[in-house]
Structures are given as C-alpha cells and as structure tokens.
Amino acid sequence: MYVCVSFYAEFMHLPRKRFTDFAAVRQEISDETDRETGRTKAISSVPIHLSIYSPNVVNLALIDLPGLTKVAGQAKSIVEDIENMVRGFIEKPNCIIMAISPANQDLATSDAIKISCEVDPKGERTFGVLTKIDLMDQGTNAVDILEGRSYRLQFPWIGVVNRSQADINKSVDMIAARRREREYFANSPE
C-alpha cells in the first residue's frame, strides 16, 4: 500500500531524510541546536537549514534569529553576539524585518523596535508583530499600536495570541491554537 504525503520537511544536515511529523521536526531542531552549542544554552551563528515542501506554502526563505532578550545572569557577550547576528541580517536592504514585541510590555522599551528603527528608519521593510495580546493588563488594549497610531510603520501591525507554556506542554496543536486566537479576536471588546 502506498501512502501519499502532501507535505514533508528536510534538513540540509540530514540529506534525503524526509520528516512528515512536525513534532519530529521540532525535536530535530532542538537536537541540532544542542549538538551545535553543546547543550550550553548558548547561541550559534551556524544556521539550521530546514525546507518545507507543501502545496500550501509559498516559496520563501525565512531566517529565525534569536530574540533580543536580556536575562538575569546571562553573559554580556551573548547579548552583544545576538545583536551583532541580528544586525548582520537586517541591515541587508533586501531583508524584510519582523520586529516582534510582547503586548504586555512597554513598546517604548522594545529592543526589536529600536534596532529595526535604526536600520529601517522609514519602516519601509519592517512588519511589527505584537504578541501576547491576551495577556495585556485589564483596561489596556493594543488598538493604537495595531492601527499604527502609536508606532507607525509602512505595513500594518500584526496581532498574535501565543500558545501558553501549558499549551505547549499539553501538545496543543497549531490548528487549535489558531482557532482559539480567532475566537479571542472575534470576542475581544476592542
């Protein structure tokens, strides 16, 4: 019996091995990161090349860079290394920037917005992504940001409701997460 799979993923470091289970893809990304960094939770400038083949995806290269985060006890060199790595990509004029910031923190302190404004001051190639909208303090909303009144970009801001750590631990799939996100936006008063 032949089973036709309409989508699969391949890693450059595992030529000719096809993944059809995206939980296995996620695990391979984690394993390859550990192999590269020695499980030190450090960063590496060596990319993991993943190709996804499906009739439902566009032909597009995405580069998932580490977040511009600062964690207590983290070596200062890691913060600088991450910023240098990010700049190395987003300073290229053909790079589209996704400046991702959580809605439950003051956008004025967002390193992603700060660095994207430095390399793209007119916002001509920057998309703002506002995550964790559902975690904003009661009485606040993201309308001014999402409508471009607080931080203006050439493209509209994108609002996102993330899976929680509990959702990830319970293996809530992306289809269920997107359904819950749509329900949140449909029922949100603002």
C-alpha atoms as a PDB file:
ATOM      1  CA  MET A   1       0.000   0.000   0.000  1.00  0.00           C
ATOM      2  CA  TYR A   2       1.333   3.430  -0.961  1.00  0.00           C
ATOM      3  CA  VAL A   3       0.578   6.450   1.216  1.00  0.00           C
ATOM      4  CA  CYS A   4       0.786   9.837  -0.454  1.00  0.00           C
ATOM      5  CA  VAL A   5       2.062  12.588   1.825  1.00  0.00           C
ATOM      6  CA  SER A   6       1.305  16.090   0.573  1.00  0.00           C
ATOM      7  CA  PHE A   7       3.852  17.787   2.808  1.00  0.00           C
ATOM      8  CA  TYR A   8       7.239  16.999   4.228  1.00  0.00           C
ATOM      9  CA  ALA A   9      10.317  18.683   5.640  1.00  0.00           C
ATOM     10  CA  GLU A  10      14.020  18.127   5.040  1.00  0.00           C
ATOM     11  CA  PHE A  11      17.090  19.392   6.867  1.00  0.00           C
ATOM     12  CA  MET A  12      20.291  20.177   4.996  1.00  0.00           C
ATOM     13  CA  HIS A  13      22.306  18.342   7.669  1.00  0.00           C
ATOM     14  CA  LEU A  14      20.202  15.183   7.070  1.00  0.00           C
ATOM     15  CA  PRO A  15      20.103  14.885   3.280  1.00  0.00           C
ATOM     16  CA  ARG A  16      17.346  12.712   1.806  1.00  0.00           C
ATOM     17  CA  LYS A  17      15.644  12.152   5.183  1.00  0.00           C
ATOM     18  CA  ARG A  18      12.034  13.292   4.966  1.00  0.00           C
ATOM     19  CA  PHE A  19      10.050  14.319   8.014  1.00  0.00           C
ATOM     20  CA  THR A  20       6.257  14.165   7.861  1.00  0.00           C
ATOM     21  CA  ASP A  21       5.680  14.593  11.600  1.00  0.00           C
ATOM     22  CA  PHE A  22       6.233  18.192  12.644  1.00  0.00           C
ATOM     23  CA  ALA A  23       6.736  17.173  16.274  1.00  0.00           C
ATOM     24  CA  ALA A  24       9.786  15.278  14.978  1.00  0.00           C
ATOM     25  CA  VAL A  25      10.880  18.410  13.073  1.00  0.00           C
ATOM     26  CA  ARG A  26      10.649  20.450  16.269  1.00  0.00           C
ATOM     27  CA  GLN A  27      12.664  17.792  18.120  1.00  0.00           C
ATOM     28  CA  GLU A  28      15.332  17.705  15.386  1.00  0.00           C
ATOM     29  CA  ILE A  29      15.710  21.491  15.589  1.00  0.00           C
ATOM     30  CA  SER A  30      16.211  21.184  19.343  1.00  0.00           C
ATOM     31  CA  ASP A  31      18.644  18.277  18.962  1.00  0.00           C
ATOM     32  CA  GLU A  32      20.687  20.024  16.254  1.00  0.00           C
ATOM     33  CA  THR A  33      20.846  23.184  18.364  1.00  0.00           C
ATOM     34  CA  ASP A  34      22.160  21.116  21.274  1.00  0.00           C
ATOM     35  CA  ARG A  35      24.711  19.416  19.009  1.00  0.00           C
ATOM     36  CA  GLU A  36      25.917  22.803  17.771  1.00  0.00           C
ATOM     37  CA  THR A  37      26.015  24.593  21.129  1.00  0.00           C
ATOM     38  CA  GLY A  38      26.950  21.642  23.319  1.00  0.00           C
ATOM     39  CA  ARG A  39      23.734  21.988  25.362  1.00  0.00           C
ATOM     40  CA  THR A  40      25.104  25.151  26.957  1.00  0.00           C
ATOM     41  CA  LYS A  41      22.035  27.233  26.049  1.00  0.00           C
ATOM     42  CA  ALA A  42      24.478  29.459  24.198  1.00  0.00           C
ATOM     43  CA  ILE A  43      23.816  30.759  20.721  1.00  0.00           C
ATOM     44  CA  SER A  44      25.372  29.754  17.450  1.00  0.00           C
ATOM     45  CA  SER A  45      25.701  31.654  14.209  1.00  0.00           C
ATOM     46  CA  VAL A  46      25.540  28.356  12.309  1.00  0.00           C
ATOM     47  CA  PRO A  47      22.099  28.193  10.677  1.00  0.00           C
ATOM     48  CA  ILE A  48      19.844  25.156  10.662  1.00  0.00           C
ATOM     49  CA  HIS A  49      18.539  24.849   7.113  1.00  0.00           C
ATOM     50  CA  LEU A  50      15.006  23.463   7.015  1.00  0.00           C
ATOM     51  CA  SER A  51      12.972  23.159   3.830  1.00  0.00           C
ATOM     52  CA  ILE A  52       9.231  22.570   3.930  1.00  0.00           C
ATOM     53  CA  TYR A  53       7.555  21.142   0.842  1.00  0.00           C
ATOM     54  CA  SER A  54       3.803  21.522   0.534  1.00  0.00           C
ATOM     55  CA  PRO A  55       1.244  22.837  -1.914  1.00  0.00           C
ATOM     56  CA  ASN A  56       0.077  25.081   0.944  1.00  0.00           C
ATOM     57  CA  VAL A  57       3.258  27.132   1.414  1.00  0.00           C
ATOM     58  CA  VAL A  58       4.866  29.881  -0.629  1.00  0.00           C
ATOM     59  CA  ASN A  59       8.425  29.793  -1.916  1.00  0.00           C
ATOM     60  CA  LEU A  60      10.060  31.943   0.730  1.00  0.00           C
ATOM     61  CA  ALA A  61      13.249  31.884   2.786  1.00  0.00           C
ATOM     62  CA  LEU A  62      12.761  32.709   6.461  1.00  0.00           C
ATOM     63  CA  ILE A  63      15.555  33.241   8.952  1.00  0.00           C
ATOM     64  CA  ASP A  64      14.539  32.709  12.568  1.00  0.00           C
ATOM     65  CA  LEU A  65      17.001  34.727  14.618  1.00  0.00           C
ATOM     66  CA  PRO A  66      17.402  34.640  18.386  1.00  0.00           C
ATOM     67  CA  GLY A  67      15.349  37.198  20.265  1.00  0.00           C
ATOM     68  CA  LEU A  68      16.941  40.390  21.547  1.00  0.00           C
ATOM     69  CA  THR A  69      16.417  39.314  25.136  1.00  0.00           C
ATOM     70  CA  LYS A  70      18.254  40.104  28.294  1.00  0.00           C
ATOM     71  CA  VAL A  71      18.134  37.527  31.064  1.00  0.00           C
ATOM     72  CA  ALA A  72      19.497  37.965  34.572  1.00  0.00           C
ATOM     73  CA  GLY A  73      22.838  36.213  34.886  1.00  0.00           C
ATOM     74  CA  GLN A  74      23.303  35.999  31.131  1.00  0.00           C
ATOM     75  CA  ALA A  75      26.789  36.809  29.913  1.00  0.00           C
ATOM     76  CA  LYS A  76      27.015  40.310  28.422  1.00  0.00           C
ATOM     77  CA  SER A  77      28.800  38.827  25.424  1.00  0.00           C
ATOM     78  CA  ILE A  78      25.684  36.809  24.499  1.00  0.00           C
ATOM     79  CA  VAL A  79      23.581  39.985  24.331  1.00  0.00           C
ATOM     80  CA  GLU A  80      26.191  41.603  22.073  1.00  0.00           C
ATOM     81  CA  ASP A  81      26.595  38.450  19.968  1.00  0.00           C
ATOM     82  CA  ILE A  82      22.835  38.226  19.388  1.00  0.00           C
ATOM     83  CA  GLU A  83      22.563  41.905  18.451  1.00  0.00           C
ATOM     84  CA  ASN A  84      25.503  41.607  16.039  1.00  0.00           C
ATOM     85  CA  MET A  85      23.988  38.488  14.471  1.00  0.00           C
ATOM     86  CA  VAL A  86      20.594  40.169  14.069  1.00  0.00           C
ATOM     87  CA  ARG A  87      22.145  43.323  12.602  1.00  0.00           C
ATOM     88  CA  GLY A  88      24.165  41.204  10.177  1.00  0.00           C
ATOM     89  CA  PHE A  89      20.910  40.057   8.602  1.00  0.00           C
ATOM     90  CA  ILE A  90      18.530  43.012   8.967  1.00  0.00           C
ATOM     91  CA  GLU A  91      20.986  45.613   7.666  1.00  0.00           C
ATOM     92  CA  LYS A  92      20.742  43.955   4.240  1.00  0.00           C
ATOM     93  CA  PRO A  93      18.420  46.124   2.126  1.00  0.00           C
ATOM     94  CA  ASN A  94      16.565  43.103   0.700  1.00  0.00           C
ATOM     95  CA  CYS A  95      15.674  41.789   4.165  1.00  0.00           C
ATOM     96  CA  ILE A  96      12.097  42.089   5.421  1.00  0.00           C
ATOM     97  CA  ILE A  97      12.147  42.639   9.187  1.00  0.00           C
ATOM     98  CA  MET A  98       9.608  41.205  11.596  1.00  0.00           C
ATOM     99  CA  ALA A  99      10.013  43.268  14.764  1.00  0.00           C
ATOM    100  CA  ILE A 100       8.344  41.062  17.366  1.00  0.00           C
ATOM    101  CA  SER A 101       7.384  42.557  20.725  1.00  0.00           C
ATOM    102  CA  PRO A 102       5.079  41.380  23.523  1.00  0.00           C
ATOM    103  CA  ALA A 103       1.952  43.486  24.082  1.00  0.00           C
ATOM    104  CA  ASN A 104       2.209  43.079  27.844  1.00  0.00           C
ATOM    105  CA  GLN A 105       5.424  45.139  27.947  1.00  0.00           C
ATOM    106  CA  ASP A 106       6.006  48.801  27.113  1.00  0.00           C
ATOM    107  CA  LEU A 107       6.729  49.033  23.398  1.00  0.00           C
ATOM    108  CA  ALA A 108       8.980  52.040  24.049  1.00  0.00           C
ATOM    109  CA  THR A 109      11.486  49.628  25.630  1.00  0.00           C
ATOM    110  CA  SER A 110      11.360  47.070  22.804  1.00  0.00           C
ATOM    111  CA  ASP A 111      14.834  46.255  21.509  1.00  0.00           C
ATOM    112  CA  ALA A 112      13.269  44.797  18.349  1.00  0.00           C
ATOM    113  CA  ILE A 113      11.547  48.103  17.557  1.00  0.00           C
ATOM    114  CA  LYS A 114      14.655  50.095  18.496  1.00  0.00           C
ATOM    115  CA  ILE A 115      17.033  48.144  16.259  1.00  0.00           C
ATOM    116  CA  SER A 116      14.567  47.963  13.348  1.00  0.00           C
ATOM    117  CA  CYS A 117      14.092  51.757  13.509  1.00  0.00           C
ATOM    118  CA  GLU A 118      17.874  52.189  13.405  1.00  0.00           C
ATOM    119  CA  VAL A 119      18.306  50.114  10.233  1.00  0.00           C
ATOM    120  CA  ASP A 120      14.939  50.969   8.623  1.00  0.00           C
ATOM    121  CA  PRO A 121      14.038  54.461   9.900  1.00  0.00           C
ATOM    122  CA  LYS A 122      11.124  54.899   7.454  1.00  0.00           C
ATOM    123  CA  GLY A 123       9.650  51.485   8.302  1.00  0.00           C
ATOM    124  CA  GLU A 124       9.636  50.535   4.622  1.00  0.00           C
ATOM    125  CA  ARG A 125      10.608  46.915   5.184  1.00  0.00           C
ATOM    126  CA  THR A 126       9.510  46.334   8.765  1.00  0.00           C
ATOM    127  CA  PHE A 127       6.426  44.482   9.925  1.00  0.00           C
ATOM    128  CA  GLY A 128       5.521  44.933  13.578  1.00  0.00           C
ATOM    129  CA  VAL A 129       4.255  41.804  15.310  1.00  0.00           C
ATOM    130  CA  LEU A 130       2.543  42.262  18.658  1.00  0.00           C
ATOM    131  CA  THR A 131       2.401  39.024  20.646  1.00  0.00           C
ATOM    132  CA  LYS A 132       0.627  38.088  23.877  1.00  0.00           C
ATOM    133  CA  ILE A 133      -2.254  40.467  23.255  1.00  0.00           C
ATOM    134  CA  ASP A 134      -4.415  38.305  25.501  1.00  0.00           C
ATOM    135  CA  LEU A 135      -2.013  38.919  28.414  1.00  0.00           C
ATOM    136  CA  MET A 136      -2.316  42.708  28.461  1.00  0.00           C
ATOM    137  CA  ASP A 137      -3.400  44.330  31.723  1.00  0.00           C
ATOM    138  CA  GLN A 138      -7.142  44.840  32.057  1.00  0.00           C
ATOM    139  CA  GLY A 139      -8.184  48.294  30.953  1.00  0.00           C
ATOM    140  CA  THR A 140      -5.470  48.471  28.304  1.00  0.00           C
ATOM    141  CA  ASN A 141      -5.630  47.480  24.671  1.00  0.00           C
ATOM    142  CA  ALA A 142      -3.460  47.322  21.599  1.00  0.00           C
ATOM    143  CA  VAL A 143      -5.725  49.239  19.228  1.00  0.00           C
ATOM    144  CA  ASP A 144      -3.478  52.325  18.932  1.00  0.00           C
ATOM    145  CA  ILE A 145      -0.477  50.129  18.173  1.00  0.00           C
ATOM    146  CA  LEU A 146      -2.276  47.785  15.760  1.00  0.00           C
ATOM    147  CA  GLU A 147      -3.774  50.731  13.874  1.00  0.00           C
ATOM    148  CA  GLY A 148      -0.355  52.394  13.580  1.00  0.00           C
ATOM    149  CA  ARG A 149      -1.082  55.444  15.726  1.00  0.00           C
ATOM    150  CA  SER A 150       1.500  54.694  18.440  1.00  0.00           C
ATOM    151  CA  TYR A 151       4.334  53.308  16.299  1.00  0.00           C
ATOM    152  CA  ARG A 152       3.928  53.956  12.601  1.00  0.00           C
ATOM    153  CA  LEU A 153       5.252  51.523  10.026  1.00  0.00           C
ATOM    154  CA  GLN A 154       4.571  51.319   6.289  1.00  0.00           C
ATOM    155  CA  PHE A 155       2.852  47.957   6.807  1.00  0.00           C
ATOM    156  CA  PRO A 156       0.059  47.138   9.250  1.00  0.00           C
ATOM    157  CA  TRP A 157       0.918  45.677  12.640  1.00  0.00           C
ATOM    158  CA  ILE A 158       0.007  42.037  13.184  1.00  0.00           C
ATOM    159  CA  GLY A 159      -1.563  40.953  16.474  1.00  0.00           C
ATOM    160  CA  VAL A 160      -0.931  37.441  17.783  1.00  0.00           C
ATOM    161  CA  VAL A 161      -2.213  35.312  20.647  1.00  0.00           C
ATOM    162  CA  ASN A 162       0.518  32.815  21.503  1.00  0.00           C
ATOM    163  CA  ARG A 163       0.208  29.321  22.862  1.00  0.00           C
ATOM    164  CA  SER A 164       0.990  29.288  26.567  1.00  0.00           C
ATOM    165  CA  GLN A 165       3.700  27.077  28.016  1.00  0.00           C
ATOM    166  CA  ALA A 166       0.894  24.889  29.382  1.00  0.00           C
ATOM    167  CA  ASP A 167      -0.500  24.578  25.833  1.00  0.00           C
ATOM    168  CA  ILE A 168       2.912  23.557  24.535  1.00  0.00           C
ATOM    169  CA  ASN A 169       3.359  21.046  27.374  1.00  0.00           C
ATOM    170  CA  LYS A 170      -0.095  19.592  26.552  1.00  0.00           C
ATOM    171  CA  SER A 171       0.845  19.428  22.845  1.00  0.00           C
ATOM    172  CA  VAL A 172      -1.966  21.771  21.799  1.00  0.00           C
ATOM    173  CA  ASP A 173      -1.553  21.820  18.032  1.00  0.00           C
ATOM    174  CA  MET A 174      -1.328  24.944  15.903  1.00  0.00           C
ATOM    175  CA  ILE A 175      -4.771  24.409  14.377  1.00  0.00           C
ATOM    176  CA  ALA A 176      -6.390  24.530  17.826  1.00  0.00           C
ATOM    177  CA  ALA A 177      -4.192  27.483  18.810  1.00  0.00           C
ATOM    178  CA  ARG A 178      -5.187  29.448  15.682  1.00  0.00           C
ATOM    179  CA  ARG A 179      -8.864  28.641  16.327  1.00  0.00           C
ATOM    180  CA  ARG A 180      -8.536  29.980  19.883  1.00  0.00           C
ATOM    181  CA  GLU A 181      -6.745  33.064  18.535  1.00  0.00           C
ATOM    182  CA  ARG A 182      -9.587  33.758  16.063  1.00  0.00           C
ATOM    183  CA  GLU A 183     -12.122  33.353  18.882  1.00  0.00           C
ATOM    184  CA  TYR A 184     -10.158  35.773  21.059  1.00  0.00           C
ATOM    185  CA  PHE A 185     -10.113  38.477  18.382  1.00  0.00           C
ATOM    186  CA  ALA A 186     -13.772  37.867  17.460  1.00  0.00           C
ATOM    187  CA  ASN A 187     -14.871  38.238  21.091  1.00  0.00           C
ATOM    188  CA  SER A 188     -12.452  40.927  22.240  1.00  0.00           C
ATOM    189  CA  PRO A 189     -14.321  44.143  23.013  1.00  0.00           C
ATOM    190  CA  GLU A 190     -11.595  46.332  21.488  1.00  0.00           C
END
